[in-house]
C-alpha atoms as a PDB file:
ATOM      1  CA  UNK A   1      27.004 -14.993  13.220  1.00  0.00           C
ATOM      2  CA  UNK A   2      23.803 -13.408  12.449  1.00  0.00           C
ATOM      3  CA  UNK A   3      21.739 -14.900  15.021  1.00  0.00           C
ATOM      4  CA  UNK A   4      24.357 -14.297  17.698  1.00  0.00           C
ATOM      5  CA  UNK A   5      24.078 -10.581  16.830  1.00  0.00           C
ATOM      6  CA  UNK A   6      20.406 -10.889  16.816  1.00  0.00           C
ATOM      7  CA  UNK A   7      20.242 -12.430  20.219  1.00  0.00           C
ATOM      8  CA  UNK A   8      23.112 -10.291  21.826  1.00  0.00           C
ATOM      9  CA  UNK A   9      22.726  -7.187  20.082  1.00  0.00           C
ATOM     10  CA  UNK A  10      18.930  -6.797  19.965  1.00  0.00           C
ATOM     11  CA  UNK A  11      17.099  -9.077  21.879  1.00  0.00           C
ATOM     12  CA  UNK A  12      18.853  -9.423  25.017  1.00  0.00           C
ATOM     13  CA  UNK A  13      19.098  -5.505  25.417  1.00  0.00           C
ATOM     14  CA  UNK A  14      15.476  -5.414  24.417  1.00  0.00           C
ATOM     15  CA  UNK A  15      14.500  -7.754  27.534  1.00  0.00           C
ATOM     16  CA  UNK A  16      16.679  -5.836  29.792  1.00  0.00           C
ATOM     17  CA  UNK A  17      15.196  -2.441  28.540  1.00  0.00           C
ATOM     18  CA  UNK A  18      11.912  -4.095  29.362  1.00  0.00           C
ATOM     19  CA  UNK A  19      12.935  -4.957  32.807  1.00  0.00           C
ATOM     20  CA  UNK A  20      14.438  -1.233  33.445  1.00  0.00           C
ATOM     21  CA  UNK A  21      10.869   0.225  32.281  1.00  0.00           C
ATOM     22  CA  UNK A  22       9.140  -2.491  34.524  1.00  0.00           C
ATOM     23  CA  UNK A  23      11.192  -1.854  37.725  1.00  0.00           C
ATOM     24  CA  UNK A  24      11.166   2.136  36.628  1.00  0.00           C
ATOM     25  CA  UNK A  25      14.784   2.293  37.711  1.00  0.00           C
ATOM     26  CA  UNK A  26      16.139   5.710  36.289  1.00  0.00           C
ATOM     27  CA  UNK A  27      19.731   4.457  36.249  1.00  0.00           C
ATOM     28  CA  UNK A  28      18.775   1.299  34.285  1.00  0.00           C
ATOM     29  CA  UNK A  29      16.805   3.626  32.016  1.00  0.00           C
ATOM     30  CA  UNK A  30      19.757   5.922  31.269  1.00  0.00           C
ATOM     31  CA  UNK A  31      22.098   2.643  30.730  1.00  0.00           C
ATOM     32  CA  UNK A  32      19.784   1.139  28.138  1.00  0.00           C
ATOM     33  CA  UNK A  33      18.978   4.602  26.570  1.00  0.00           C
ATOM     34  CA  UNK A  34      22.676   5.052  26.099  1.00  0.00           C
ATOM     35  CA  UNK A  35      23.067   1.521  24.599  1.00  0.00           C
ATOM     36  CA  UNK A  36      20.106   1.896  22.098  1.00  0.00           C
ATOM     37  CA  UNK A  37      21.631   5.218  20.880  1.00  0.00           C
ATOM     38  CA  UNK A  38      24.960   3.714  20.284  1.00  0.00           C
ATOM     39  CA  UNK A  39      23.547   0.698  18.814  1.00  0.00           C
ATOM     40  CA  UNK A  40      21.264   2.871  16.272  1.00  0.00           C
ATOM     41  CA  UNK A  41      24.542   4.809  15.149  1.00  0.00           C
ATOM     42  CA  UNK A  42      26.362   1.185  14.950  1.00  0.00           C
ATOM     43  CA  UNK A  43      23.608  -0.148  12.710  1.00  0.00           C
ATOM     44  CA  UNK A  44      23.571   2.852  10.369  1.00  0.00           C
ATOM     45  CA  UNK A  45      27.610   2.701  10.111  1.00  0.00           C
ATOM     46  CA  UNK A  46      27.659  -0.889   9.577  1.00  0.00           C
ATOM     47  CA  UNK A  47      25.107  -0.416   6.591  1.00  0.00           C
ATOM     48  CA  UNK A  48      28.151   1.247   4.850  1.00  0.00           C
ATOM     49  CA  UNK A  49      31.023  -0.539   6.324  1.00  0.00           C
ATOM     50  CA  UNK A  50      29.563  -4.013   5.139  1.00  0.00           C
ATOM     51  CA  UNK A  51      29.721  -2.759   1.733  1.00  0.00           C
ATOM     52  CA  UNK A  52      33.469  -1.769   1.912  1.00  0.00           C
ATOM     53  CA  UNK A  53      35.052  -3.886   4.596  1.00  0.00           C
ATOM     54  CA  UNK A  54      33.211  -7.179   4.232  1.00  0.00           C
ATOM     55  CA  UNK A  55      36.579  -8.378   2.766  1.00  0.00           C
ATOM     56  CA  UNK A  56      38.395  -7.918   5.872  1.00  0.00           C
ATOM     57  CA  UNK A  57      39.494 -10.830   7.615  1.00  0.00           C
ATOM     58  CA  UNK A  58      37.339 -11.545  10.666  1.00  0.00           C
ATOM     59  CA  UNK A  59      35.113  -8.443   9.916  1.00  0.00           C
ATOM     60  CA  UNK A  60      32.010 -10.343  11.126  1.00  0.00           C
ATOM     61  CA  UNK A  61      33.713 -11.725  14.318  1.00  0.00           C
ATOM     62  CA  UNK A  62      34.823  -8.089  15.089  1.00  0.00           C
ATOM     63  CA  UNK A  63      31.459  -6.799  14.889  1.00  0.00           C
ATOM     64  CA  UNK A  64      30.058  -9.361  17.165  1.00  0.00           C
ATOM     65  CA  UNK A  65      32.884  -8.669  19.527  1.00  0.00           C
ATOM     66  CA  UNK A  66      32.090  -4.847  19.241  1.00  0.00           C
ATOM     67  CA  UNK A  67      28.393  -5.569  20.247  1.00  0.00           C
ATOM     68  CA  UNK A  68      29.576  -7.734  23.231  1.00  0.00           C
ATOM     69  CA  UNK A  69      31.970  -4.859  24.383  1.00  0.00           C
ATOM     70  CA  UNK A  70      28.864  -2.491  24.284  1.00  0.00           C
ATOM     71  CA  UNK A  71      27.003  -4.752  26.523  1.00  0.00           C
ATOM     72  CA  UNK A  72      29.358  -5.878  29.045  1.00  0.00           C
ATOM     73  CA  UNK A  73      28.711  -4.544  32.395  1.00  0.00           C
ATOM     74  CA  UNK A  74      32.490  -4.453  33.141  1.00  0.00           C
ATOM     75  CA  UNK A  75      33.564  -2.451  30.232  1.00  0.00           C
ATOM     76  CA  UNK A  76      30.363  -0.323  29.833  1.00  0.00           C
ATOM     77  CA  UNK A  77      31.289   0.262  26.282  1.00  0.00           C
ATOM     78  CA  UNK A  78      28.015   1.951  25.349  1.00  0.00           C
ATOM     79  CA  UNK A  79      28.210   4.244  28.119  1.00  0.00           C
ATOM     80  CA  UNK A  80      31.731   5.212  27.501  1.00  0.00           C
ATOM     81  CA  UNK A  81      31.118   5.957  23.651  1.00  0.00           C
ATOM     82  CA  UNK A  82      28.029   7.763  24.525  1.00  0.00           C
ATOM     83  CA  UNK A  83      29.737   9.967  27.246  1.00  0.00           C
ATOM     84  CA  UNK A  84      32.995  10.353  25.464  1.00  0.00           C
ATOM     85  CA  UNK A  85      31.853  11.013  21.876  1.00  0.00           C
ATOM     86  CA  UNK A  86      28.088  10.898  20.990  1.00  0.00           C
ATOM     87  CA  UNK A  87      26.750  13.378  23.980  1.00  0.00           C
ATOM     88  CA  UNK A  88      29.316  16.050  23.328  1.00  0.00           C
ATOM     89  CA  UNK A  89      28.970  15.779  19.350  1.00  0.00           C
ATOM     90  CA  UNK A  90      25.168  15.857  19.565  1.00  0.00           C
ATOM     91  CA  UNK A  91      25.057  18.797  22.390  1.00  0.00           C
ATOM     92  CA  UNK A  92      27.361  20.861  20.034  1.00  0.00           C
ATOM     93  CA  UNK A  93      25.502  20.206  16.865  1.00  0.00           C
ATOM     94  CA  UNK A  94      21.797  19.958  18.413  1.00  0.00           C
ATOM     95  CA  UNK A  95      20.554  23.214  16.964  1.00  0.00           C
ATOM     96  CA  UNK A  96      21.589  22.468  13.563  1.00  0.00           C
ATOM     97  CA  UNK A  97      20.224  18.814  13.628  1.00  0.00           C
ATOM     98  CA  UNK A  98      16.703  20.234  14.884  1.00  0.00           C
ATOM     99  CA  UNK A  99      16.769  22.824  12.160  1.00  0.00           C
ATOM    100  CA  UNK A 100      17.304  20.063   9.693  1.00  0.00           C
ATOM    101  CA  UNK A 101      14.883  17.817  10.915  1.00  0.00           C
ATOM    102  CA  UNK A 102      12.353  20.638  10.760  1.00  0.00           C
ATOM    103  CA  UNK A 103      13.013  21.508   7.416  1.00  0.00           C
ATOM    104  CA  UNK A 104      13.102  17.814   6.211  1.00  0.00           C
ATOM    105  CA  UNK A 105       9.611  17.434   8.063  1.00  0.00           C
ATOM    106  CA  UNK A 106       7.996  20.302   6.197  1.00  0.00           C
ATOM    107  CA  UNK A 107       9.447  19.413   2.720  1.00  0.00           C
ATOM    108  CA  UNK A 108       8.243  15.788   3.223  1.00  0.00           C
ATOM    109  CA  UNK A 109       4.798  17.223   4.244  1.00  0.00           C
ATOM    110  CA  UNK A 110       4.776  19.414   1.070  1.00  0.00           C
ATOM    111  CA  UNK A 111       5.927  16.716  -1.217  1.00  0.00           C
ATOM    112  CA  UNK A 112       3.413  14.426   0.317  1.00  0.00           C
ATOM    113  CA  UNK A 113       0.578  16.983  -0.458  1.00  0.00           C
ATOM    114  CA  UNK A 114       2.083  17.575  -3.893  1.00  0.00           C
ATOM    115  CA  UNK A 115       2.193  13.839  -4.826  1.00  0.00           C
ATOM    116  CA  UNK A 116      -1.280  13.274  -3.089  1.00  0.00           C
ATOM    117  CA  UNK A 117      -2.804  15.893  -5.144  1.00  0.00           C
ATOM    118  CA  UNK A 118      -1.215  14.356  -8.395  1.00  0.00           C
ATOM    119  CA  UNK A 119      -2.323  10.991  -7.269  1.00  0.00           C
ATOM    120  CA  UNK A 120      -5.836  12.100  -6.940  1.00  0.00           C
ATOM    121  CA  UNK A 121      -5.847  13.900 -10.254  1.00  0.00           C
ATOM    122  CA  UNK A 122      -4.543  10.742 -12.003  1.00  0.00           C
ATOM    123  CA  UNK A 123      -7.019   8.365 -10.177  1.00  0.00           C
ATOM    124  CA  UNK A 124      -9.919  10.957 -11.061  1.00  0.00           C
ATOM    125  CA  UNK A 125      -8.848  10.971 -14.619  1.00  0.00           C
ATOM    126  CA  UNK A 126      -8.565   7.161 -14.957  1.00  0.00           C
ATOM    127  CA  UNK A 127     -12.004   6.826 -13.184  1.00  0.00           C
ATOM    128  CA  UNK A 128     -13.649   9.238 -15.784  1.00  0.00           C
ATOM    129  CA  UNK A 129     -12.191   7.488 -18.701  1.00  0.00           C
ATOM    130  CA  UNK A 130     -13.089   4.282 -17.459  1.00  0.00           C
ATOM    131  CA  UNK A 131     -16.508   5.308 -16.866  1.00  0.00           C
ATOM    132  CA  UNK A 132     -16.883   6.932 -20.239  1.00  0.00           C
ATOM    133  CA  UNK A 133     -15.396   3.781 -21.875  1.00  0.00           C
ATOM    134  CA  UNK A 134     -17.145   1.750 -19.602  1.00  0.00           C
ATOM    135  CA  UNK A 135     -20.741   3.523 -20.284  1.00  0.00           C
ATOM    136  CA  UNK A 136     -20.185   3.395 -24.101  1.00  0.00           C
ATOM    137  CA  UNK A 137     -19.195  -0.288 -24.020  1.00  0.00           C
ATOM    138  CA  UNK A 138     -22.214  -0.933 -21.734  1.00  0.00           C
ATOM    139  CA  UNK A 139     -24.876   0.694 -23.983  1.00  0.00           C
ATOM    140  CA  UNK A 140     -23.350  -0.951 -27.141  1.00  0.00           C
ATOM    141  CA  UNK A 141     -23.752  -4.206 -25.172  1.00  0.00           C
ATOM    142  CA  UNK A 142     -27.355  -3.276 -24.215  1.00  0.00           C
ATOM    143  CA  UNK A 143     -28.304  -2.257 -27.571  1.00  0.00           C
ATOM    144  CA  UNK A 144     -27.165  -5.880 -28.738  1.00  0.00           C
ATOM    145  CA  UNK A 145     -29.440  -7.581 -26.710  1.00  0.00           C
ATOM    146  CA  UNK A 146     -33.092  -8.222 -27.626  1.00  0.00           C
ATOM    147  CA  UNK A 147     -35.809  -8.409 -24.995  1.00  0.00           C
ATOM    148  CA  UNK A 148     -35.792 -12.158 -25.283  1.00  0.00           C
ATOM    149  CA  UNK A 149     -32.001 -12.247 -24.399  1.00  0.00           C
ATOM    150  CA  UNK A 150     -32.621 -10.156 -21.432  1.00  0.00           C
ATOM    151  CA  UNK A 151     -35.242 -12.176 -20.002  1.00  0.00           C
ATOM    152  CA  UNK A 152     -33.173 -15.417 -20.650  1.00  0.00           C
ATOM    153  CA  UNK A 153     -30.002 -13.822 -18.879  1.00  0.00           C
ATOM    154  CA  UNK A 154     -32.423 -12.990 -15.954  1.00  0.00           C
ATOM    155  CA  UNK A 155     -33.823 -16.369 -15.909  1.00  0.00           C
ATOM    156  CA  UNK A 156     -37.161 -14.793 -16.015  1.00  0.00           C
ATOM    157  CA  UNK A 157     -40.047 -15.922 -18.292  1.00  0.00           C
ATOM    158  CA  UNK A 158     -41.613 -13.594 -20.981  1.00  0.00           C
ATOM    159  CA  UNK A 159     -44.309 -12.537 -18.527  1.00  0.00           C
ATOM    160  CA  UNK A 160     -41.998 -10.480 -16.590  1.00  0.00           C
ATOM    161  CA  UNK A 161     -41.072  -8.252 -19.662  1.00  0.00           C
ATOM    162  CA  UNK A 162     -42.330  -4.558 -19.028  1.00  0.00           C
ATOM    163  CA  UNK A 163     -45.788  -4.055 -20.107  1.00  0.00           C
ATOM    164  CA  UNK A 164     -44.941  -1.428 -22.831  1.00  0.00           C
ATOM    165  CA  UNK A 165     -42.786  -4.007 -24.599  1.00  0.00           C
ATOM    166  CA  UNK A 166     -45.499  -6.829 -24.087  1.00  0.00           C
ATOM    167  CA  UNK A 167     -48.143  -4.438 -25.805  1.00  0.00           C
ATOM    168  CA  UNK A 168     -45.703  -3.650 -28.574  1.00  0.00           C
ATOM    169  CA  UNK A 169     -45.050  -7.299 -28.967  1.00  0.00           C
ATOM    170  CA  UNK A 170     -48.759  -8.377 -28.569  1.00  0.00           C
ATOM    171  CA  UNK A 171     -49.925  -5.485 -31.043  1.00  0.00           C
ATOM    172  CA  UNK A 172     -47.479  -7.025 -33.703  1.00  0.00           C
ATOM    173  CA  UNK A 173     -48.911 -10.309 -32.996  1.00  0.00           C
ATOM    174  CA  UNK A 174     -52.519  -9.265 -33.282  1.00  0.00           C
ATOM    175  CA  UNK A 175     -52.297  -7.060 -36.378  1.00  0.00           C
ATOM    176  CA  UNK A 176     -49.776  -9.097 -38.437  1.00  0.00           C
ATOM    177  CA  UNK A 177     -48.797  -7.446 -41.842  1.00  0.00           C
ATOM    178  CA  UNK A 178     -50.292  -9.291 -44.864  1.00  0.00           C
ATOM    179  CA  UNK A 179     -47.515 -10.983 -46.544  1.00  0.00           C
ATOM    180  CA  UNK A 180     -47.100 -10.398 -50.269  1.00  0.00           C
ATOM    181  CA  UNK A 181     -48.442 -14.111 -51.303  1.00  0.00           C
ATOM    182  CA  UNK A 182     -51.493 -13.457 -48.973  1.00  0.00           C
ATOM    183  CA  UNK A 183     -52.197 -10.207 -50.570  1.00  0.00           C
ATOM    184  CA  UNK A 184     -52.116 -11.663 -54.046  1.00  0.00           C
ATOM    185  CA  UNK A 185     -54.031 -14.346 -53.073  1.00  0.00           C
ATOM    186  CA  UNK A 186     -57.132 -12.119 -52.023  1.00  0.00           C
ATOM    187  CA  UNK A 187     -56.792 -10.041 -55.111  1.00  0.00           C
ATOM    188  CA  UNK A 188     -56.547 -13.066 -57.342  1.00  0.00           C
ATOM    189  CA  UNK A 189     -59.534 -14.651 -55.561  1.00  0.00           C
ATOM    190  CA  UNK A 190     -61.391 -11.359 -55.982  1.00  0.00           C
ATOM    191  CA  UNK A 191     -60.823 -11.519 -59.569  1.00  0.00           C
ATOM    192  CA  UNK A 192     -62.569 -14.857 -60.147  1.00  0.00           C
END
């Protein structure tokens, strides 16, 4: 049932709408535009009727028969419904519908701007918090590394360690602090 409605209710009319556009036949344009308007209203109504009337015997078969009636060149169902009901109703309510659409458009734009600003504020706050937490964690992590660890991570040898660190390291090695036992040894050797 779903596939037959998809084929006959959507794909078949879409193909003939394409042919009407290709041939630039105004009469066919009007015919298929009336069909699509009626089909859009049918699909909208169907959303609600499916909830309440799906238990009705032959409900789905009736929907397919209705779509076939809309399409039939003999019954001209979509043209009949459009001219008898839809066009007069839309013509009488057109001003109110246009006003509602303009108001909805303005409200949706205002809501979009409002939520956009809130979203940017939340994102900026999250970015600042992540950066501050990340910076603290990064500095703590870096403090825990010795220069030997950093050169090992990079895969470099100790010769690529910055010169100031190398000088400091080499100055410690060239002037070692005398150990306690060494200073005692020299003082004891001086006594002998």
